[in-house]
PDB file of N, CA and C in Angstrom:
ATOM      1  N   MET A   1     119.042 122.959-152.921  1.00  0.00           N
ATOM      2  CA  MET A   1     117.711 123.263-152.456  1.00  0.00           C
ATOM      3  C   MET A   1     116.902 123.842-153.639  1.00  0.00           C
ATOM      4  N   THR A   2     115.922 123.174-154.031  1.00  0.00           N
ATOM      5  CA  THR A   2     115.106 123.621-155.203  1.00  0.00           C
ATOM      6  C   THR A   2     114.197 124.723-154.842  1.00  0.00           C
ATOM      7  N   GLY A   3     114.144 125.733-155.757  1.00  0.00           N
ATOM      8  CA  GLY A   3     113.232 126.833-155.548  1.00  0.00           C
ATOM      9  C   GLY A   3     113.808 127.974-154.658  1.00  0.00           C
ATOM     10  N   SER A   4     115.078 127.772-154.283  1.00  0.00           N
ATOM     11  CA  SER A   4     115.740 128.888-153.484  1.00  0.00           C
ATOM     12  C   SER A   4     115.854 130.141-154.264  1.00  0.00           C
ATOM     13  N   SER A   5     115.727 131.252-153.526  1.00  0.00           N
ATOM     14  CA  SER A   5     115.856 132.559-154.270  1.00  0.00           C
ATOM     15  C   SER A   5     117.234 132.880-154.632  1.00  0.00           C
ATOM     16  N   THR A   6     118.188 132.083-154.156  1.00  0.00           N
ATOM     17  CA  THR A   6     119.580 132.316-154.402  1.00  0.00           C
ATOM     18  C   THR A   6     120.092 131.499-155.638  1.00  0.00           C
ATOM     19  N   GLU A   7     119.251 130.583-156.102  1.00  0.00           N
ATOM     20  CA  GLU A   7     119.597 129.840-157.316  1.00  0.00           C
ATOM     21  C   GLU A   7     119.551 130.666-158.550  1.00  0.00           C
ATOM     22  N   PRO A   8     120.436 130.441-159.496  1.00  0.00           N
ATOM     23  CA  PRO A   8     120.417 131.242-160.719  1.00  0.00           C
ATOM     24  C   PRO A   8     119.125 131.006-161.516  1.00  0.00           C
ATOM     25  N   ARG A   9     118.764 131.992-162.300  1.00  0.00           N
ATOM     26  CA  ARG A   9     117.580 131.978-163.132  1.00  0.00           C
ATOM     27  C   ARG A   9     117.955 131.788-164.575  1.00  0.00           C
ATOM     28  N   LEU A  10     117.218 131.011-165.241  1.00  0.00           N
ATOM     29  CA  LEU A  10     117.468 130.808-166.738  1.00  0.00           C
ATOM     30  C   LEU A  10     116.929 132.023-167.481  1.00  0.00           C
ATOM     31  N   SER A  11     117.800 132.737-168.178  1.00  0.00           N
ATOM     32  CA  SER A  11     117.395 133.901-169.016  1.00  0.00           C
ATOM     33  C   SER A  11     117.568 133.514-170.437  1.00  0.00           C
ATOM     34  N   ASN A  12     116.745 134.115-171.302  1.00  0.00           N
ATOM     35  CA  ASN A  12     116.918 133.812-172.700  1.00  0.00           C
ATOM     36  C   ASN A  12     116.651 134.999-173.615  1.00  0.00           C
ATOM     37  N   ARG A  13     117.174 134.873-174.822  1.00  0.00           N
ATOM     38  CA  ARG A  13     117.047 135.924-175.896  1.00  0.00           C
ATOM     39  C   ARG A  13     116.228 135.324-177.013  1.00  0.00           C
ATOM     40  N   LEU A  14     115.359 134.409-176.752  1.00  0.00           N
ATOM     41  CA  LEU A  14     114.621 133.672-177.786  1.00  0.00           C
ATOM     42  C   LEU A  14     113.724 134.629-178.595  1.00  0.00           C
ATOM     43  N   ARG A  15     113.013 135.503-177.849  1.00  0.00           N
ATOM     44  CA  ARG A  15     112.091 136.367-178.568  1.00  0.00           C
ATOM     45  C   ARG A  15     112.840 137.393-179.506  1.00  0.00           C
ATOM     46  N   VAL A  16     114.017 137.840-179.058  1.00  0.00           N
ATOM     47  CA  VAL A  16     114.844 138.720-179.883  1.00  0.00           C
ATOM     48  C   VAL A  16     115.349 137.951-181.102  1.00  0.00           C
ATOM     49  N   ALA A  17     115.939 136.787-180.892  1.00  0.00           N
ATOM     50  CA  ALA A  17     116.475 136.020-182.026  1.00  0.00           C
ATOM     51  C   ALA A  17     115.362 135.649-182.981  1.00  0.00           C
ATOM     52  N   ARG A  18     114.219 135.312-182.493  1.00  0.00           N
ATOM     53  CA  ARG A  18     113.124 134.970-183.402  1.00  0.00           C
ATOM     54  C   ARG A  18     112.692 136.194-184.192  1.00  0.00           C
ATOM     55  N   ALA A  19     112.552 137.329-183.564  1.00  0.00           N
ATOM     56  CA  ALA A  19     112.141 138.544-184.226  1.00  0.00           C
ATOM     57  C   ALA A  19     113.129 138.974-185.351  1.00  0.00           C
ATOM     58  N   GLU A  20     114.442 138.816-184.994  1.00  0.00           N
ATOM     59  CA  GLU A  20     115.438 139.149-185.903  1.00  0.00           C
ATOM     60  C   GLU A  20     115.374 138.343-187.247  1.00  0.00           C
ATOM     61  N   ARG A  21     114.782 137.203-187.140  1.00  0.00           N
ATOM     62  CA  ARG A  21     114.597 136.338-188.362  1.00  0.00           C
ATOM     63  C   ARG A  21     113.188 136.431-188.865  1.00  0.00           C
ATOM     64  N   ASP A  22     112.369 137.373-188.315  1.00  0.00           N
ATOM     65  CA  ASP A  22     111.042 137.530-188.759  1.00  0.00           C
ATOM     66  C   ASP A  22     110.149 136.300-188.797  1.00  0.00           C
ATOM     67  N   LEU A  23     110.279 135.550-187.643  1.00  0.00           N
ATOM     68  CA  LEU A  23     109.506 134.336-187.416  1.00  0.00           C
ATOM     69  C   LEU A  23     108.497 134.544-186.358  1.00  0.00           C
ATOM     70  N   SER A  24     107.283 134.106-186.601  1.00  0.00           N
ATOM     71  CA  SER A  24     106.257 134.095-185.504  1.00  0.00           C
ATOM     72  C   SER A  24     106.488 132.953-184.513  1.00  0.00           C
ATOM     73  N   GLN A  25     105.875 132.963-183.415  1.00  0.00           N
ATOM     74  CA  GLN A  25     105.966 131.908-182.438  1.00  0.00           C
ATOM     75  C   GLN A  25     105.530 130.606-183.137  1.00  0.00           C
ATOM     76  N   GLY A  26     104.447 130.701-183.798  1.00  0.00           N
ATOM     77  CA  GLY A  26     103.905 129.476-184.485  1.00  0.00           C
ATOM     78  C   GLY A  26     104.885 128.903-185.526  1.00  0.00           C
ATOM     79  N   GLN A  27     105.499 129.800-186.314  1.00  0.00           N
ATOM     80  CA  GLN A  27     106.437 129.304-187.365  1.00  0.00           C
ATOM     81  C   GLN A  27     107.676 128.598-186.655  1.00  0.00           C
ATOM     82  N   LEU A  28     108.169 129.248-185.620  1.00  0.00           N
ATOM     83  CA  LEU A  28     109.328 128.673-184.937  1.00  0.00           C
ATOM     84  C   LEU A  28     108.933 127.359-184.299  1.00  0.00           C
ATOM     85  N   ALA A  29     107.793 127.321-183.726  1.00  0.00           N
ATOM     86  CA  ALA A  29     107.277 126.027-183.086  1.00  0.00           C
ATOM     87  C   ALA A  29     107.230 124.929-184.113  1.00  0.00           C
ATOM     88  N   LYS A  30     106.743 125.185-185.198  1.00  0.00           N
ATOM     89  CA  LYS A  30     106.609 124.217-186.315  1.00  0.00           C
ATOM     90  C   LYS A  30     107.980 123.687-186.759  1.00  0.00           C
ATOM     91  N   LEU A  31     108.929 124.625-186.855  1.00  0.00           N
ATOM     92  CA  LEU A  31     110.324 124.257-187.275  1.00  0.00           C
ATOM     93  C   LEU A  31     111.025 123.365-186.257  1.00  0.00           C
ATOM     94  N   VAL A  32     110.726 123.506-184.989  1.00  0.00           N
ATOM     95  CA  VAL A  32     111.378 122.680-183.982  1.00  0.00           C
ATOM     96  C   VAL A  32     110.547 121.521-183.394  1.00  0.00           C
ATOM     97  N   GLY A  33     109.233 121.484-183.800  1.00  0.00           N
ATOM     98  CA  GLY A  33     108.445 120.375-183.431  1.00  0.00           C
ATOM     99  C   GLY A  33     107.774 120.472-182.157  1.00  0.00           C
ATOM    100  N   VAL A  34     107.408 121.730-181.682  1.00  0.00           N
ATOM    101  CA  VAL A  34     106.693 121.891-180.436  1.00  0.00           C
ATOM    102  C   VAL A  34     105.460 122.804-180.649  1.00  0.00           C
ATOM    103  N   SER A  35     104.686 123.089-179.713  1.00  0.00           N
ATOM    104  CA  SER A  35     103.485 123.957-179.769  1.00  0.00           C
ATOM    105  C   SER A  35     103.896 125.476-179.687  1.00  0.00           C
ATOM    106  N   ARG A  36     103.062 126.295-180.180  1.00  0.00           N
ATOM    107  CA  ARG A  36     103.249 127.747-180.046  1.00  0.00           C
ATOM    108  C   ARG A  36     103.320 128.110-178.601  1.00  0.00           C
ATOM    109  N   GLN A  37     102.452 127.484-177.852  1.00  0.00           N
ATOM    110  CA  GLN A  37     102.441 127.772-176.324  1.00  0.00           C
ATOM    111  C   GLN A  37     103.774 127.425-175.710  1.00  0.00           C
ATOM    112  N   THR A  38     104.478 126.365-176.139  1.00  0.00           N
ATOM    113  CA  THR A  38     105.756 126.045-175.600  1.00  0.00           C
ATOM    114  C   THR A  38     106.715 127.197-175.826  1.00  0.00           C
ATOM    115  N   ILE A  39     106.798 127.682-177.045  1.00  0.00           N
ATOM    116  CA  ILE A  39     107.684 128.835-177.382  1.00  0.00           C
ATOM    117  C   ILE A  39     107.354 130.045-176.534  1.00  0.00           C
ATOM    118  N   SER A  40     106.088 130.353-176.357  1.00  0.00           N
ATOM    119  CA  SER A  40     105.639 131.432-175.579  1.00  0.00           C
ATOM    120  C   SER A  40     106.128 131.250-174.096  1.00  0.00           C
ATOM    121  N   SER A  41     105.941 130.031-173.574  1.00  0.00           N
ATOM    122  CA  SER A  41     106.335 129.762-172.187  1.00  0.00           C
ATOM    123  C   SER A  41     107.863 129.894-172.045  1.00  0.00           C
ATOM    124  N   ILE A  42     108.627 129.484-173.005  1.00  0.00           N
ATOM    125  CA  ILE A  42     110.081 129.664-172.955  1.00  0.00           C
ATOM    126  C   ILE A  42     110.418 131.182-172.935  1.00  0.00           C
ATOM    127  N   GLU A  43     109.797 131.933-173.875  1.00  0.00           N
ATOM    128  CA  GLU A  43     110.124 133.293-174.004  1.00  0.00           C
ATOM    129  C   GLU A  43     109.792 134.122-172.726  1.00  0.00           C
ATOM    130  N   THR A  44     108.743 133.681-171.999  1.00  0.00           N
ATOM    131  CA  THR A  44     108.355 134.406-170.820  1.00  0.00           C
ATOM    132  C   THR A  44     109.043 133.858-169.542  1.00  0.00           C
ATOM    133  N   GLY A  45     109.840 132.840-169.713  1.00  0.00           N
ATOM    134  CA  GLY A  45     110.614 132.331-168.587  1.00  0.00           C
ATOM    135  C   GLY A  45     109.759 131.325-167.758  1.00  0.00           C
ATOM    136  N   GLN A  46     108.637 131.008-168.151  1.00  0.00           N
ATOM    137  CA  GLN A  46     107.819 130.027-167.335  1.00  0.00           C
ATOM    138  C   GLN A  46     108.192 128.606-167.569  1.00  0.00           C
ATOM    139  N   TYR A  47     109.008 128.319-168.626  1.00  0.00           N
ATOM    140  CA  TYR A  47     109.352 126.949-168.952  1.00  0.00           C
ATOM    141  C   TYR A  47     110.802 126.941-169.437  1.00  0.00           C
ATOM    142  N   GLY A  48     111.600 126.055-168.863  1.00  0.00           N
ATOM    143  CA  GLY A  48     113.001 125.879-169.326  1.00  0.00           C
ATOM    144  C   GLY A  48     113.078 124.683-170.282  1.00  0.00           C
ATOM    145  N   PRO A  49     113.579 124.933-171.492  1.00  0.00           N
ATOM    146  CA  PRO A  49     113.571 123.903-172.461  1.00  0.00           C
ATOM    147  C   PRO A  49     114.471 122.752-172.103  1.00  0.00           C
ATOM    148  N   SER A  50     114.258 121.607-172.709  1.00  0.00           N
ATOM    149  CA  SER A  50     115.170 120.462-172.518  1.00  0.00           C
ATOM    150  C   SER A  50     116.450 120.761-173.338  1.00  0.00           C
ATOM    151  N   THR A  51     117.518 120.052-173.093  1.00  0.00           N
ATOM    152  CA  THR A  51     118.698 120.270-173.854  1.00  0.00           C
ATOM    153  C   THR A  51     118.520 120.053-175.370  1.00  0.00           C
ATOM    154  N   LEU A  52     117.778 119.038-175.724  1.00  0.00           N
ATOM    155  CA  LEU A  52     117.468 118.753-177.083  1.00  0.00           C
ATOM    156  C   LEU A  52     116.697 119.969-177.752  1.00  0.00           C
ATOM    157  N   LEU A  53     115.705 120.486-177.066  1.00  0.00           N
ATOM    158  CA  LEU A  53     114.875 121.615-177.587  1.00  0.00           C
ATOM    159  C   LEU A  53     115.750 122.799-177.726  1.00  0.00           C
ATOM    160  N   ALA A  54     116.629 123.057-176.741  1.00  0.00           N
ATOM    161  CA  ALA A  54     117.542 124.163-176.825  1.00  0.00           C
ATOM    162  C   ALA A  54     118.478 124.120-178.049  1.00  0.00           C
ATOM    163  N   LEU A  55     118.919 122.904-178.250  1.00  0.00           N
ATOM    164  CA  LEU A  55     119.840 122.710-179.372  1.00  0.00           C
ATOM    165  C   LEU A  55     119.077 122.847-180.738  1.00  0.00           C
ATOM    166  N   ARG A  56     117.864 122.397-180.812  1.00  0.00           N
ATOM    167  CA  ARG A  56     117.025 122.542-182.000  1.00  0.00           C
ATOM    168  C   ARG A  56     116.751 124.056-182.292  1.00  0.00           C
ATOM    169  N   LEU A  57     116.412 124.740-181.252  1.00  0.00           N
ATOM    170  CA  LEU A  57     116.187 126.259-181.384  1.00  0.00           C
ATOM    171  C   LEU A  57     117.385 126.923-181.863  1.00  0.00           C
ATOM    172  N   ALA A  58     118.490 126.633-181.287  1.00  0.00           N
ATOM    173  CA  ALA A  58     119.778 127.288-181.672  1.00  0.00           C
ATOM    174  C   ALA A  58     120.096 126.889-183.205  1.00  0.00           C
ATOM    175  N   ARG A  59     119.948 125.760-183.599  1.00  0.00           N
ATOM    176  CA  ARG A  59     120.131 125.338-184.988  1.00  0.00           C
ATOM    177  C   ARG A  59     119.197 126.140-185.917  1.00  0.00           C
ATOM    178  N   VAL A  60     117.923 126.077-185.652  1.00  0.00           N
ATOM    179  CA  VAL A  60     116.984 126.778-186.527  1.00  0.00           C
ATOM    180  C   VAL A  60     117.251 128.321-186.535  1.00  0.00           C
ATOM    181  N   LEU A  61     117.690 128.902-185.484  1.00  0.00           N
ATOM    182  CA  LEU A  61     117.904 130.255-185.409  1.00  0.00           C
ATOM    183  C   LEU A  61     119.355 130.626-185.781  1.00  0.00           C
ATOM    184  N   ALA A  62     120.140 129.652-186.137  1.00  0.00           N
ATOM    185  CA  ALA A  62     121.582 129.840-186.590  1.00  0.00           C
ATOM    186  C   ALA A  62     122.374 130.610-185.510  1.00  0.00           C
ATOM    187  N   VAL A  63     122.231 130.233-184.277  1.00  0.00           N
ATOM    188  CA  VAL A  63     123.054 130.825-183.206  1.00  0.00           C
ATOM    189  C   VAL A  63     123.530 129.729-182.293  1.00  0.00           C
ATOM    190  N   ARG A  64     124.435 130.027-181.447  1.00  0.00           N
ATOM    191  CA  ARG A  64     124.894 129.085-180.392  1.00  0.00           C
ATOM    192  C   ARG A  64     123.925 129.064-179.291  1.00  0.00           C
ATOM    193  N   VAL A  65     123.859 127.914-178.582  1.00  0.00           N
ATOM    194  CA  VAL A  65     122.854 127.751-177.427  1.00  0.00           C
ATOM    195  C   VAL A  65     123.146 128.890-176.412  1.00  0.00           C
ATOM    196  N   ASP A  66     124.459 129.129-176.153  1.00  0.00           N
ATOM    197  CA  ASP A  66     124.775 130.176-175.130  1.00  0.00           C
ATOM    198  C   ASP A  66     124.490 131.597-175.583  1.00  0.00           C
ATOM    199  N   GLU A  67     124.106 131.751-176.847  1.00  0.00           N
ATOM    200  CA  GLU A  67     123.665 133.036-177.325  1.00  0.00           C
ATOM    201  C   GLU A  67     122.104 133.196-177.054  1.00  0.00           C
ATOM    202  N   LEU A  68     121.504 132.043-176.937  1.00  0.00           N
ATOM    203  CA  LEU A  68     120.037 132.093-176.586  1.00  0.00           C
ATOM    204  C   LEU A  68     119.746 131.970-175.115  1.00  0.00           C
ATOM    205  N   PHE A  69     120.463 131.205-174.357  1.00  0.00           N
ATOM    206  CA  PHE A  69     120.222 130.999-172.982  1.00  0.00           C
ATOM    207  C   PHE A  69     121.410 131.258-172.070  1.00  0.00           C
ATOM    208  N   SER A  70     121.143 131.772-170.954  1.00  0.00           N
ATOM    209  CA  SER A  70     122.261 132.072-169.934  1.00  0.00           C
ATOM    210  C   SER A  70     121.587 131.986-168.550  1.00  0.00           C
ATOM    211  N   LEU A  71     122.520 131.832-167.584  1.00  0.00           N
ATOM    212  CA  LEU A  71     122.157 131.820-166.158  1.00  0.00           C
ATOM    213  C   LEU A  71     122.355 133.205-165.567  1.00  0.00           C
ATOM    214  N   GLU A  72     121.373 133.724-164.875  1.00  0.00           N
ATOM    215  CA  GLU A  72     121.481 135.040-164.242  1.00  0.00           C
ATOM    216  C   GLU A  72     121.390 134.860-162.682  1.00  0.00           C
ATOM    217  N   ASP A  73     122.289 135.408-161.956  1.00  0.00           N
ATOM    218  CA  ASP A  73     122.236 135.292-160.486  1.00  0.00           C
ATOM    219  C   ASP A  73     121.065 136.128-160.023  1.00  0.00           C
ATOM    220  N   ARG A  74     120.409 135.588-159.055  1.00  0.00           N
ATOM    221  CA  ARG A  74     119.298 136.316-158.345  1.00  0.00           C
ATOM    222  C   ARG A  74     119.892 137.062-157.251  1.00  0.00           C
ATOM    223  N   THR A  75     119.456 138.336-157.126  1.00  0.00           N
ATOM    224  CA  THR A  75     120.042 139.116-156.033  1.00  0.00           C
ATOM    225  C   THR A  75     118.888 139.671-155.153  1.00  0.00           C
TER     226      THR A  75
END
């Protein structure tokens, strides 16, 4: 059932990982080939990245995908 309040929510540490590397949203966006708005939407949880984009982000930030993204249970 899509949109159910019991479905897990995608959580991310993208903003933290980006800040640790002293990158702006625009700089990171350019490195992975998306818009700054896409990075902002991912950081705020409004957009879940594709698998390919998640892998690109992890590569550029030198972390594993599971260090950037995780599922959180909704309570």
